[in-house]
């Protein structure tokens, strides 16, 4: 029988029991998003950033058919070094558990497992979204519907710039997923500081984000996520002119080669990395670092609000 029990690391279990701040981290960037051996160094760095801020990191993965929330040292090393690990979205979890498989979790799987464990804040790079040419192929990421039914706060650098950003924002609005621009009035463009699209709400401190989270809980209603979109610093973004030129060329090649469906995103991301000499990868890592730092501060602010004594109006 499948083992559907969440396996929490001792550090994460103790933190959740004591209501201390915890930040969920995806494992796909470790297993599939970065070259070896740098991927392990970045994984260690991201966990260290969470701890240095005063929170507890919970990297999520499935190992030997068991869902893990929080990895110990040898498990993190395995995720970084085992080339056989597959990529698991939320829909893949049940088959993976039943088969005793191992895999790194994407945004949808990480958010699902983290929320099930009781973790409220999750840091990642960029979200999935509506693909370009949706009217022809109707392809959109599973991230969107999962966020529409999962109460978790996701700190990200927007959605991947290879996607149809305006359509993705419209879709998130339709699904009832709240979006906050952190220190910006424009929705970030993942590799770029701005996508050119505006956001309706801007916040400037972790405490403001935590207040929105508290209001979400008080209002009740659908268990939708809250997206906190923080731009990568302009000094660390990918050159916008280079980005647009390379993406346009890669899209043409994608059509000419007949690449469709799930193969489109990895192809375009690979082309961006190759044709920018690795600059897109550096922008990605810079964005994730910033998001992890912010997520830790938000988790701490939310924990303080939760721990504050309740006072009644006289």
C-alpha atoms as a PDB file:
ATOM      1  CA  UNK A   1       0.000   0.000   0.000  1.00  0.00           C
ATOM      2  CA  UNK A   2       1.239   3.526  -0.785  1.00  0.00           C
ATOM      3  CA  UNK A   3       2.847   5.501   2.042  1.00  0.00           C
ATOM      4  CA  UNK A   4       0.954   8.788   1.980  1.00  0.00           C
ATOM      5  CA  UNK A   5       2.220   9.874   5.392  1.00  0.00           C
ATOM      6  CA  UNK A   6       4.144  13.135   5.297  1.00  0.00           C
ATOM      7  CA  UNK A   7       7.678  12.525   6.520  1.00  0.00           C
ATOM      8  CA  UNK A   8       8.834  15.661   8.309  1.00  0.00           C
ATOM      9  CA  UNK A   9      12.477  16.225   9.134  1.00  0.00           C
ATOM     10  CA  UNK A  10      13.127  16.520  12.892  1.00  0.00           C
ATOM     11  CA  UNK A  11      13.904  20.240  12.461  1.00  0.00           C
ATOM     12  CA  UNK A  12      10.644  20.922  10.615  1.00  0.00           C
ATOM     13  CA  UNK A  13       8.554  18.757  12.949  1.00  0.00           C
ATOM     14  CA  UNK A  14       9.857  20.585  16.013  1.00  0.00           C
ATOM     15  CA  UNK A  15       9.354  24.007  14.421  1.00  0.00           C
ATOM     16  CA  UNK A  16       5.758  23.297  13.412  1.00  0.00           C
ATOM     17  CA  UNK A  17       4.930  21.866  16.831  1.00  0.00           C
ATOM     18  CA  UNK A  18       6.318  25.003  18.470  1.00  0.00           C
ATOM     19  CA  UNK A  19       4.589  27.276  15.891  1.00  0.00           C
ATOM     20  CA  UNK A  20       7.919  28.685  14.762  1.00  0.00           C
ATOM     21  CA  UNK A  21       8.239  30.127  11.225  1.00  0.00           C
ATOM     22  CA  UNK A  22       8.900  27.611   8.444  1.00  0.00           C
ATOM     23  CA  UNK A  23       9.543  28.259   4.734  1.00  0.00           C
ATOM     24  CA  UNK A  24       8.901  25.590   2.098  1.00  0.00           C
ATOM     25  CA  UNK A  25      11.396  25.263  -0.781  1.00  0.00           C
ATOM     26  CA  UNK A  26      10.923  23.324  -4.013  1.00  0.00           C
ATOM     27  CA  UNK A  27      13.438  20.702  -5.104  1.00  0.00           C
ATOM     28  CA  UNK A  28      13.043  20.926  -8.896  1.00  0.00           C
ATOM     29  CA  UNK A  29      15.506  23.805  -9.095  1.00  0.00           C
ATOM     30  CA  UNK A  30      18.046  21.567  -7.349  1.00  0.00           C
ATOM     31  CA  UNK A  31      17.501  18.404  -9.378  1.00  0.00           C
ATOM     32  CA  UNK A  32      16.686  19.898 -12.778  1.00  0.00           C
ATOM     33  CA  UNK A  33      17.251  23.656 -12.771  1.00  0.00           C
ATOM     34  CA  UNK A  34      20.970  24.012 -12.057  1.00  0.00           C
ATOM     35  CA  UNK A  35      24.135  22.264 -13.258  1.00  0.00           C
ATOM     36  CA  UNK A  36      26.010  19.917 -10.943  1.00  0.00           C
ATOM     37  CA  UNK A  37      27.778  20.453  -8.551  1.00  0.00           C
ATOM     38  CA  UNK A  38      26.554  24.028  -8.250  1.00  0.00           C
ATOM     39  CA  UNK A  39      23.022  22.823  -7.562  1.00  0.00           C
ATOM     40  CA  UNK A  40      23.987  21.407  -4.161  1.00  0.00           C
ATOM     41  CA  UNK A  41      25.872  24.575  -3.232  1.00  0.00           C
ATOM     42  CA  UNK A  42      22.798  26.670  -4.086  1.00  0.00           C
ATOM     43  CA  UNK A  43      20.515  24.277  -2.179  1.00  0.00           C
ATOM     44  CA  UNK A  44      22.705  24.612   0.919  1.00  0.00           C
ATOM     45  CA  UNK A  45      22.843  28.380   0.450  1.00  0.00           C
ATOM     46  CA  UNK A  46      19.061  28.757   0.227  1.00  0.00           C
ATOM     47  CA  UNK A  47      18.493  26.719   3.374  1.00  0.00           C
ATOM     48  CA  UNK A  48      21.196  28.763   5.136  1.00  0.00           C
ATOM     49  CA  UNK A  49      19.475  32.016   4.098  1.00  0.00           C
ATOM     50  CA  UNK A  50      16.239  30.848   5.723  1.00  0.00           C
ATOM     51  CA  UNK A  51      18.014  29.858   8.931  1.00  0.00           C
ATOM     52  CA  UNK A  52      20.052  33.072   9.122  1.00  0.00           C
ATOM     53  CA  UNK A  53      16.818  35.064   8.994  1.00  0.00           C
ATOM     54  CA  UNK A  54      15.428  33.105  11.943  1.00  0.00           C
ATOM     55  CA  UNK A  55      13.139  30.618  10.199  1.00  0.00           C
ATOM     56  CA  UNK A  56      13.350  26.901   9.386  1.00  0.00           C
ATOM     57  CA  UNK A  57      13.749  25.644   5.783  1.00  0.00           C
ATOM     58  CA  UNK A  58      11.613  22.765   4.535  1.00  0.00           C
ATOM     59  CA  UNK A  59      12.836  21.517   1.161  1.00  0.00           C
ATOM     60  CA  UNK A  60      10.212  19.204  -0.322  1.00  0.00           C
ATOM     61  CA  UNK A  61      10.811  16.034  -2.359  1.00  0.00           C
ATOM     62  CA  UNK A  62       9.557  12.462  -2.842  1.00  0.00           C
ATOM     63  CA  UNK A  63      12.096   9.760  -2.044  1.00  0.00           C
ATOM     64  CA  UNK A  64      11.404   6.056  -2.537  1.00  0.00           C
ATOM     65  CA  UNK A  65       7.675   6.654  -2.646  1.00  0.00           C
ATOM     66  CA  UNK A  66       7.608   8.777   0.497  1.00  0.00           C
ATOM     67  CA  UNK A  67       6.738  12.498   0.519  1.00  0.00           C
ATOM     68  CA  UNK A  68       9.318  14.429   2.519  1.00  0.00           C
ATOM     69  CA  UNK A  69       8.828  17.942   3.907  1.00  0.00           C
ATOM     70  CA  UNK A  70      12.258  18.985   5.095  1.00  0.00           C
ATOM     71  CA  UNK A  71      15.365  17.070   4.067  1.00  0.00           C
ATOM     72  CA  UNK A  72      18.355  16.068   6.157  1.00  0.00           C
ATOM     73  CA  UNK A  73      21.860  16.448   4.727  1.00  0.00           C
ATOM     74  CA  UNK A  74      22.160  13.118   2.922  1.00  0.00           C
ATOM     75  CA  UNK A  75      18.684  13.460   1.424  1.00  0.00           C
ATOM     76  CA  UNK A  76      19.467  16.921   0.073  1.00  0.00           C
ATOM     77  CA  UNK A  77      22.681  15.547  -1.423  1.00  0.00           C
ATOM     78  CA  UNK A  78      20.739  12.733  -3.045  1.00  0.00           C
ATOM     79  CA  UNK A  79      18.318  15.167  -4.691  1.00  0.00           C
ATOM     80  CA  UNK A  80      21.251  17.146  -6.054  1.00  0.00           C
ATOM     81  CA  UNK A  81      23.282  14.168  -7.266  1.00  0.00           C
ATOM     82  CA  UNK A  82      20.812  11.476  -8.365  1.00  0.00           C
ATOM     83  CA  UNK A  83      20.238  11.954 -12.097  1.00  0.00           C
ATOM     84  CA  UNK A  84      17.351   9.471 -12.117  1.00  0.00           C
ATOM     85  CA  UNK A  85      15.002  11.713 -10.127  1.00  0.00           C
ATOM     86  CA  UNK A  86      11.960  12.652 -12.151  1.00  0.00           C
ATOM     87  CA  UNK A  87      10.041  15.930 -12.043  1.00  0.00           C
ATOM     88  CA  UNK A  88       6.800  15.662 -10.059  1.00  0.00           C
ATOM     89  CA  UNK A  89       3.802  17.961 -10.272  1.00  0.00           C
ATOM     90  CA  UNK A  90       0.851  17.596  -7.916  1.00  0.00           C
ATOM     91  CA  UNK A  91      -0.927  15.209 -10.287  1.00  0.00           C
ATOM     92  CA  UNK A  92       2.143  12.930 -10.323  1.00  0.00           C
ATOM     93  CA  UNK A  93       2.291  12.440  -6.566  1.00  0.00           C
ATOM     94  CA  UNK A  94      -0.153   9.537  -6.278  1.00  0.00           C
ATOM     95  CA  UNK A  95       1.451   7.455  -9.076  1.00  0.00           C
ATOM     96  CA  UNK A  96       4.929   8.205  -7.701  1.00  0.00           C
ATOM     97  CA  UNK A  97       3.977   7.120  -4.194  1.00  0.00           C
ATOM     98  CA  UNK A  98       2.270   3.975  -5.451  1.00  0.00           C
ATOM     99  CA  UNK A  99       5.306   3.059  -7.569  1.00  0.00           C
ATOM    100  CA  UNK A 100       7.838   3.801  -4.843  1.00  0.00           C
ATOM    101  CA  UNK A 101       9.438   6.369  -7.137  1.00  0.00           C
ATOM    102  CA  UNK A 102      11.674   9.323  -6.322  1.00  0.00           C
ATOM    103  CA  UNK A 103      11.342  12.806  -7.721  1.00  0.00           C
ATOM    104  CA  UNK A 104      11.834  16.517  -7.251  1.00  0.00           C
ATOM    105  CA  UNK A 105       8.696  18.573  -6.656  1.00  0.00           C
ATOM    106  CA  UNK A 106       7.548  21.438  -8.866  1.00  0.00           C
ATOM    107  CA  UNK A 107       5.612  24.480  -7.637  1.00  0.00           C
ATOM    108  CA  UNK A 108       2.266  22.644  -7.635  1.00  0.00           C
ATOM    109  CA  UNK A 109       3.533  19.566  -5.783  1.00  0.00           C
ATOM    110  CA  UNK A 110       5.571  21.606  -3.313  1.00  0.00           C
ATOM    111  CA  UNK A 111       2.679  23.934  -2.508  1.00  0.00           C
ATOM    112  CA  UNK A 112       0.315  20.976  -2.047  1.00  0.00           C
ATOM    113  CA  UNK A 113       2.589  19.027   0.289  1.00  0.00           C
ATOM    114  CA  UNK A 114       3.725  22.100   2.224  1.00  0.00           C
ATOM    115  CA  UNK A 115       0.148  23.237   2.843  1.00  0.00           C
ATOM    116  CA  UNK A 116      -0.801  19.702   3.902  1.00  0.00           C
ATOM    117  CA  UNK A 117       2.010  19.840   6.463  1.00  0.00           C
ATOM    118  CA  UNK A 118       0.707  23.141   7.816  1.00  0.00           C
ATOM    119  CA  UNK A 119       3.358  25.388   6.267  1.00  0.00           C
ATOM    120  CA  UNK A 120       2.022  28.768   5.177  1.00  0.00           C
ATOM    121  CA  UNK A 121       4.923  30.326   3.232  1.00  0.00           C
ATOM    122  CA  UNK A 122       6.699  28.971   0.152  1.00  0.00           C
ATOM    123  CA  UNK A 123       9.575  30.516  -1.826  1.00  0.00           C
ATOM    124  CA  UNK A 124      10.332  29.767  -5.460  1.00  0.00           C
ATOM    125  CA  UNK A 125      11.743  31.408  -8.592  1.00  0.00           C
ATOM    126  CA  UNK A 126       8.974  31.857 -11.146  1.00  0.00           C
ATOM    127  CA  UNK A 127       5.499  30.382 -11.418  1.00  0.00           C
ATOM    128  CA  UNK A 128       4.105  28.523 -14.382  1.00  0.00           C
ATOM    129  CA  UNK A 129       1.234  30.064 -16.293  1.00  0.00           C
ATOM    130  CA  UNK A 130      -0.605  30.351 -19.581  1.00  0.00           C
ATOM    131  CA  UNK A 131       1.545  29.467 -22.573  1.00  0.00           C
ATOM    132  CA  UNK A 132       1.847  31.651 -25.637  1.00  0.00           C
ATOM    133  CA  UNK A 133      -0.591  30.618 -28.339  1.00  0.00           C
ATOM    134  CA  UNK A 134      -3.129  29.394 -25.789  1.00  0.00           C
ATOM    135  CA  UNK A 135      -5.999  29.856 -28.240  1.00  0.00           C
ATOM    136  CA  UNK A 136      -4.445  27.171 -30.433  1.00  0.00           C
ATOM    137  CA  UNK A 137      -3.133  24.624 -27.934  1.00  0.00           C
ATOM    138  CA  UNK A 138      -4.895  25.617 -24.668  1.00  0.00           C
ATOM    139  CA  UNK A 139      -1.817  24.828 -22.605  1.00  0.00           C
ATOM    140  CA  UNK A 140      -1.458  26.214 -19.110  1.00  0.00           C
ATOM    141  CA  UNK A 141       0.535  25.196 -16.065  1.00  0.00           C
ATOM    142  CA  UNK A 142      -1.025  23.068 -13.345  1.00  0.00           C
ATOM    143  CA  UNK A 143       0.371  25.653 -10.912  1.00  0.00           C
ATOM    144  CA  UNK A 144      -2.595  27.935 -11.547  1.00  0.00           C
ATOM    145  CA  UNK A 145      -5.462  25.634 -10.540  1.00  0.00           C
ATOM    146  CA  UNK A 146      -3.483  24.262  -7.599  1.00  0.00           C
ATOM    147  CA  UNK A 147      -2.938  27.783  -6.269  1.00  0.00           C
ATOM    148  CA  UNK A 148      -6.660  28.453  -6.671  1.00  0.00           C
ATOM    149  CA  UNK A 149      -7.443  25.801  -4.054  1.00  0.00           C
ATOM    150  CA  UNK A 150      -4.433  25.909  -1.717  1.00  0.00           C
ATOM    151  CA  UNK A 151      -4.065  28.396   1.151  1.00  0.00           C
ATOM    152  CA  UNK A 152      -0.374  29.189   0.949  1.00  0.00           C
ATOM    153  CA  UNK A 153       1.642  32.361   0.384  1.00  0.00           C
ATOM    154  CA  UNK A 154       4.016  32.002  -2.559  1.00  0.00           C
ATOM    155  CA  UNK A 155       6.940  34.397  -2.856  1.00  0.00           C
ATOM    156  CA  UNK A 156       8.135  34.484  -6.456  1.00  0.00           C
ATOM    157  CA  UNK A 157       9.612  36.696  -9.182  1.00  0.00           C
ATOM    158  CA  UNK A 158       6.413  36.573 -11.223  1.00  0.00           C
ATOM    159  CA  UNK A 159       5.794  33.955 -13.890  1.00  0.00           C
ATOM    160  CA  UNK A 160       8.367  32.685 -16.342  1.00  0.00           C
ATOM    161  CA  UNK A 161       8.908  35.335 -19.016  1.00  0.00           C
ATOM    162  CA  UNK A 162       8.574  32.785 -21.810  1.00  0.00           C
ATOM    163  CA  UNK A 163       4.842  32.590 -21.009  1.00  0.00           C
ATOM    164  CA  UNK A 164       1.907  34.838 -21.877  1.00  0.00           C
ATOM    165  CA  UNK A 165       2.093  37.101 -18.827  1.00  0.00           C
ATOM    166  CA  UNK A 166      -1.089  39.186 -19.444  1.00  0.00           C
ATOM    167  CA  UNK A 167      -3.134  36.019 -20.024  1.00  0.00           C
ATOM    168  CA  UNK A 168      -1.655  34.430 -16.896  1.00  0.00           C
ATOM    169  CA  UNK A 169      -2.601  37.431 -14.769  1.00  0.00           C
ATOM    170  CA  UNK A 170      -6.141  37.323 -16.161  1.00  0.00           C
ATOM    171  CA  UNK A 171      -6.321  33.617 -15.373  1.00  0.00           C
ATOM    172  CA  UNK A 172      -5.143  34.136 -11.800  1.00  0.00           C
ATOM    173  CA  UNK A 173      -7.781  36.835 -11.376  1.00  0.00           C
ATOM    174  CA  UNK A 174     -10.481  34.486 -12.664  1.00  0.00           C
ATOM    175  CA  UNK A 175      -9.304  31.775 -10.273  1.00  0.00           C
ATOM    176  CA  UNK A 176      -9.409  34.157  -7.305  1.00  0.00           C
ATOM    177  CA  UNK A 177      -5.674  34.070  -6.537  1.00  0.00           C
ATOM    178  CA  UNK A 178      -4.561  37.286  -4.842  1.00  0.00           C
ATOM    179  CA  UNK A 179      -1.452  39.070  -6.120  1.00  0.00           C
ATOM    180  CA  UNK A 180       0.697  41.551  -4.226  1.00  0.00           C
ATOM    181  CA  UNK A 181       3.581  43.431  -5.819  1.00  0.00           C
ATOM    182  CA  UNK A 182       6.350  43.612  -3.238  1.00  0.00           C
ATOM    183  CA  UNK A 183       7.907  47.069  -3.454  1.00  0.00           C
ATOM    184  CA  UNK A 184       6.678  47.450  -7.024  1.00  0.00           C
ATOM    185  CA  UNK A 185       3.597  48.594  -8.919  1.00  0.00           C
ATOM    186  CA  UNK A 186       4.469  46.332 -11.853  1.00  0.00           C
ATOM    187  CA  UNK A 187       4.317  42.564 -12.036  1.00  0.00           C
ATOM    188  CA  UNK A 188       7.869  41.159 -12.235  1.00  0.00           C
ATOM    189  CA  UNK A 189       9.089  39.373 -15.358  1.00  0.00           C
ATOM    190  CA  UNK A 190      11.100  36.543 -13.747  1.00  0.00           C
ATOM    191  CA  UNK A 191      14.458  37.213 -15.448  1.00  0.00           C
ATOM    192  CA  UNK A 192      13.403  40.860 -15.762  1.00  0.00           C
ATOM    193  CA  UNK A 193      12.477  43.326 -13.045  1.00  0.00           C
ATOM    194  CA  UNK A 194       9.223  44.192 -14.797  1.00  0.00           C
ATOM    195  CA  UNK A 195       6.889  42.453 -17.228  1.00  0.00           C
ATOM    196  CA  UNK A 196       5.278  45.778 -18.077  1.00  0.00           C
ATOM    197  CA  UNK A 197       1.992  44.681 -16.500  1.00  0.00           C
ATOM    198  CA  UNK A 198       0.662  46.546 -13.464  1.00  0.00           C
ATOM    199  CA  UNK A 199      -0.477  45.015 -10.185  1.00  0.00           C
ATOM    200  CA  UNK A 200      -3.542  46.185  -8.259  1.00  0.00           C
ATOM    201  CA  UNK A 201      -1.953  46.011  -4.819  1.00  0.00           C
ATOM    202  CA  UNK A 202       1.530  46.953  -3.609  1.00  0.00           C
ATOM    203  CA  UNK A 203       3.031  46.138  -0.211  1.00  0.00           C
ATOM    204  CA  UNK A 204       6.410  47.234   1.124  1.00  0.00           C
ATOM    205  CA  UNK A 205       7.060  45.271   4.325  1.00  0.00           C
ATOM    206  CA  UNK A 206       6.770  41.648   5.465  1.00  0.00           C
ATOM    207  CA  UNK A 207       4.347  42.848   8.134  1.00  0.00           C
ATOM    208  CA  UNK A 208       1.988  44.171   5.446  1.00  0.00           C
ATOM    209  CA  UNK A 209       2.050  40.781   3.724  1.00  0.00           C
ATOM    210  CA  UNK A 210       1.379  39.029   7.035  1.00  0.00           C
ATOM    211  CA  UNK A 211      -1.569  41.360   7.628  1.00  0.00           C
ATOM    212  CA  UNK A 212      -3.056  40.358   4.274  1.00  0.00           C
ATOM    213  CA  UNK A 213      -2.583  36.699   5.188  1.00  0.00           C
ATOM    214  CA  UNK A 214      -4.394  37.301   8.461  1.00  0.00           C
ATOM    215  CA  UNK A 215      -7.240  39.036   6.667  1.00  0.00           C
ATOM    216  CA  UNK A 216      -7.472  36.083   4.258  1.00  0.00           C
ATOM    217  CA  UNK A 217      -7.939  33.739   7.191  1.00  0.00           C
ATOM    218  CA  UNK A 218     -10.454  35.988   8.934  1.00  0.00           C
ATOM    219  CA  UNK A 219     -12.579  36.340   5.801  1.00  0.00           C
ATOM    220  CA  UNK A 220     -12.707  32.619   5.115  1.00  0.00           C
ATOM    221  CA  UNK A 221     -14.052  31.645   1.719  1.00  0.00           C
ATOM    222  CA  UNK A 222     -12.166  29.698  -0.969  1.00  0.00           C
ATOM    223  CA  UNK A 223      -8.795  28.343   0.110  1.00  0.00           C
ATOM    224  CA  UNK A 224      -6.848  30.256  -2.552  1.00  0.00           C
ATOM    225  CA  UNK A 225      -3.176  31.172  -2.444  1.00  0.00           C
ATOM    226  CA  UNK A 226      -1.607  34.589  -2.099  1.00  0.00           C
ATOM    227  CA  UNK A 227       1.132  35.413  -4.609  1.00  0.00           C
ATOM    228  CA  UNK A 228       3.792  37.870  -3.436  1.00  0.00           C
ATOM    229  CA  UNK A 229       5.654  38.994  -6.552  1.00  0.00           C
ATOM    230  CA  UNK A 230       9.081  40.459  -5.873  1.00  0.00           C
ATOM    231  CA  UNK A 231      11.199  41.720  -8.790  1.00  0.00           C
ATOM    232  CA  UNK A 232      14.789  40.636  -9.235  1.00  0.00           C
ATOM    233  CA  UNK A 233      17.006  43.708  -8.606  1.00  0.00           C
ATOM    234  CA  UNK A 234      17.643  45.672 -11.808  1.00  0.00           C
ATOM    235  CA  UNK A 235      21.396  45.252 -11.365  1.00  0.00           C
ATOM    236  CA  UNK A 236      20.950  41.465 -11.421  1.00  0.00           C
ATOM    237  CA  UNK A 237      18.266  41.114 -14.091  1.00  0.00           C
ATOM    238  CA  UNK A 238      18.920  39.726 -17.552  1.00  0.00           C
ATOM    239  CA  UNK A 239      19.556  42.475 -20.097  1.00  0.00           C
ATOM    240  CA  UNK A 240      16.018  43.170 -21.447  1.00  0.00           C
ATOM    241  CA  UNK A 241      17.172  43.694 -25.041  1.00  0.00           C
ATOM    242  CA  UNK A 242      19.132  40.434 -25.005  1.00  0.00           C
ATOM    243  CA  UNK A 243      16.216  38.641 -23.373  1.00  0.00           C
ATOM    244  CA  UNK A 244      13.697  39.776 -25.985  1.00  0.00           C
ATOM    245  CA  UNK A 245      15.966  38.968 -28.930  1.00  0.00           C
ATOM    246  CA  UNK A 246      16.906  35.498 -27.703  1.00  0.00           C
ATOM    247  CA  UNK A 247      13.321  34.627 -26.759  1.00  0.00           C
ATOM    248  CA  UNK A 248      12.008  35.721 -30.168  1.00  0.00           C
ATOM    249  CA  UNK A 249      14.631  33.595 -31.946  1.00  0.00           C
ATOM    250  CA  UNK A 250      13.914  30.594 -29.702  1.00  0.00           C
ATOM    251  CA  UNK A 251      10.162  30.857 -30.310  1.00  0.00           C
ATOM    252  CA  UNK A 252      10.713  30.816 -34.066  1.00  0.00           C
ATOM    253  CA  UNK A 253      12.953  27.756 -33.765  1.00  0.00           C
ATOM    254  CA  UNK A 254      10.386  26.089 -31.506  1.00  0.00           C
ATOM    255  CA  UNK A 255       7.690  26.466 -34.175  1.00  0.00           C
ATOM    256  CA  UNK A 256       9.982  25.364 -36.986  1.00  0.00           C
ATOM    257  CA  UNK A 257      10.970  22.204 -35.115  1.00  0.00           C
ATOM    258  CA  UNK A 258       7.393  21.396 -34.141  1.00  0.00           C
ATOM    259  CA  UNK A 259       8.080  21.446 -30.418  1.00  0.00           C
ATOM    260  CA  UNK A 260       4.765  21.505 -28.544  1.00  0.00           C
ATOM    261  CA  UNK A 261       3.129  20.881 -25.186  1.00  0.00           C
ATOM    262  CA  UNK A 262       5.266  20.137 -22.150  1.00  0.00           C
ATOM    263  CA  UNK A 263       8.446  20.178 -24.246  1.00  0.00           C
ATOM    264  CA  UNK A 264       8.143  23.910 -24.975  1.00  0.00           C
ATOM    265  CA  UNK A 265       9.113  25.313 -21.565  1.00  0.00           C
ATOM    266  CA  UNK A 266      12.336  23.303 -21.033  1.00  0.00           C
ATOM    267  CA  UNK A 267      13.363  23.997 -24.637  1.00  0.00           C
ATOM    268  CA  UNK A 268      12.910  27.756 -24.318  1.00  0.00           C
ATOM    269  CA  UNK A 269      14.607  27.918 -20.913  1.00  0.00           C
ATOM    270  CA  UNK A 270      17.543  25.905 -22.253  1.00  0.00           C
ATOM    271  CA  UNK A 271      17.829  28.180 -25.283  1.00  0.00           C
ATOM    272  CA  UNK A 272      17.814  31.252 -23.054  1.00  0.00           C
ATOM    273  CA  UNK A 273      20.582  29.828 -20.912  1.00  0.00           C
ATOM    274  CA  UNK A 274      22.729  28.818 -23.890  1.00  0.00           C
ATOM    275  CA  UNK A 275      22.220  31.946 -25.978  1.00  0.00           C
ATOM    276  CA  UNK A 276      22.797  34.333 -23.056  1.00  0.00           C
ATOM    277  CA  UNK A 277      25.981  32.603 -21.968  1.00  0.00           C
ATOM    278  CA  UNK A 278      24.418  31.545 -18.677  1.00  0.00           C
ATOM    279  CA  UNK A 279      23.213  35.053 -17.795  1.00  0.00           C
ATOM    280  CA  UNK A 280      19.593  33.875 -17.545  1.00  0.00           C
ATOM    281  CA  UNK A 281      20.658  31.242 -15.026  1.00  0.00           C
ATOM    282  CA  UNK A 282      22.372  33.873 -12.872  1.00  0.00           C
ATOM    283  CA  UNK A 283      19.258  36.063 -12.952  1.00  0.00           C
ATOM    284  CA  UNK A 284      17.193  33.048 -11.893  1.00  0.00           C
ATOM    285  CA  UNK A 285      19.466  32.291  -8.943  1.00  0.00           C
ATOM    286  CA  UNK A 286      19.495  35.963  -7.908  1.00  0.00           C
ATOM    287  CA  UNK A 287      15.687  36.013  -7.954  1.00  0.00           C
ATOM    288  CA  UNK A 288      15.420  32.833  -5.869  1.00  0.00           C
ATOM    289  CA  UNK A 289      17.875  34.177  -3.283  1.00  0.00           C
ATOM    290  CA  UNK A 290      15.838  37.343  -2.856  1.00  0.00           C
ATOM    291  CA  UNK A 291      12.579  35.431  -2.668  1.00  0.00           C
ATOM    292  CA  UNK A 292      13.912  33.059  -0.019  1.00  0.00           C
ATOM    293  CA  UNK A 293      15.090  35.963   2.143  1.00  0.00           C
ATOM    294  CA  UNK A 294      11.723  37.689   1.832  1.00  0.00           C
ATOM    295  CA  UNK A 295       9.758  34.492   2.467  1.00  0.00           C
ATOM    296  CA  UNK A 296      11.632  33.959   5.723  1.00  0.00           C
ATOM    297  CA  UNK A 297      10.832  37.508   6.865  1.00  0.00           C
ATOM    298  CA  UNK A 298       7.155  37.036   5.951  1.00  0.00           C
ATOM    299  CA  UNK A 299       6.980  33.725   7.820  1.00  0.00           C
ATOM    300  CA  UNK A 300       8.487  35.387  10.889  1.00  0.00           C
ATOM    301  CA  UNK A 301       6.042  38.307  10.702  1.00  0.00           C
ATOM    302  CA  UNK A 302       3.097  35.925  10.295  1.00  0.00           C
ATOM    303  CA  UNK A 303       4.244  33.837  13.276  1.00  0.00           C
ATOM    304  CA  UNK A 304       4.447  36.979  15.427  1.00  0.00           C
ATOM    305  CA  UNK A 305       0.905  37.988  14.520  1.00  0.00           C
ATOM    306  CA  UNK A 306      -0.367  34.483  15.277  1.00  0.00           C
ATOM    307  CA  UNK A 307       1.406  34.482  18.646  1.00  0.00           C
ATOM    308  CA  UNK A 308       0.161  37.947  19.644  1.00  0.00           C
ATOM    309  CA  UNK A 309      -2.468  37.962  22.424  1.00  0.00           C
ATOM    310  CA  UNK A 310      -6.036  38.610  21.289  1.00  0.00           C
ATOM    311  CA  UNK A 311      -7.595  41.754  22.729  1.00  0.00           C
ATOM    312  CA  UNK A 312     -11.296  42.521  22.759  1.00  0.00           C
ATOM    313  CA  UNK A 313     -12.739  45.932  22.021  1.00  0.00           C
ATOM    314  CA  UNK A 314     -14.167  47.584  25.098  1.00  0.00           C
END
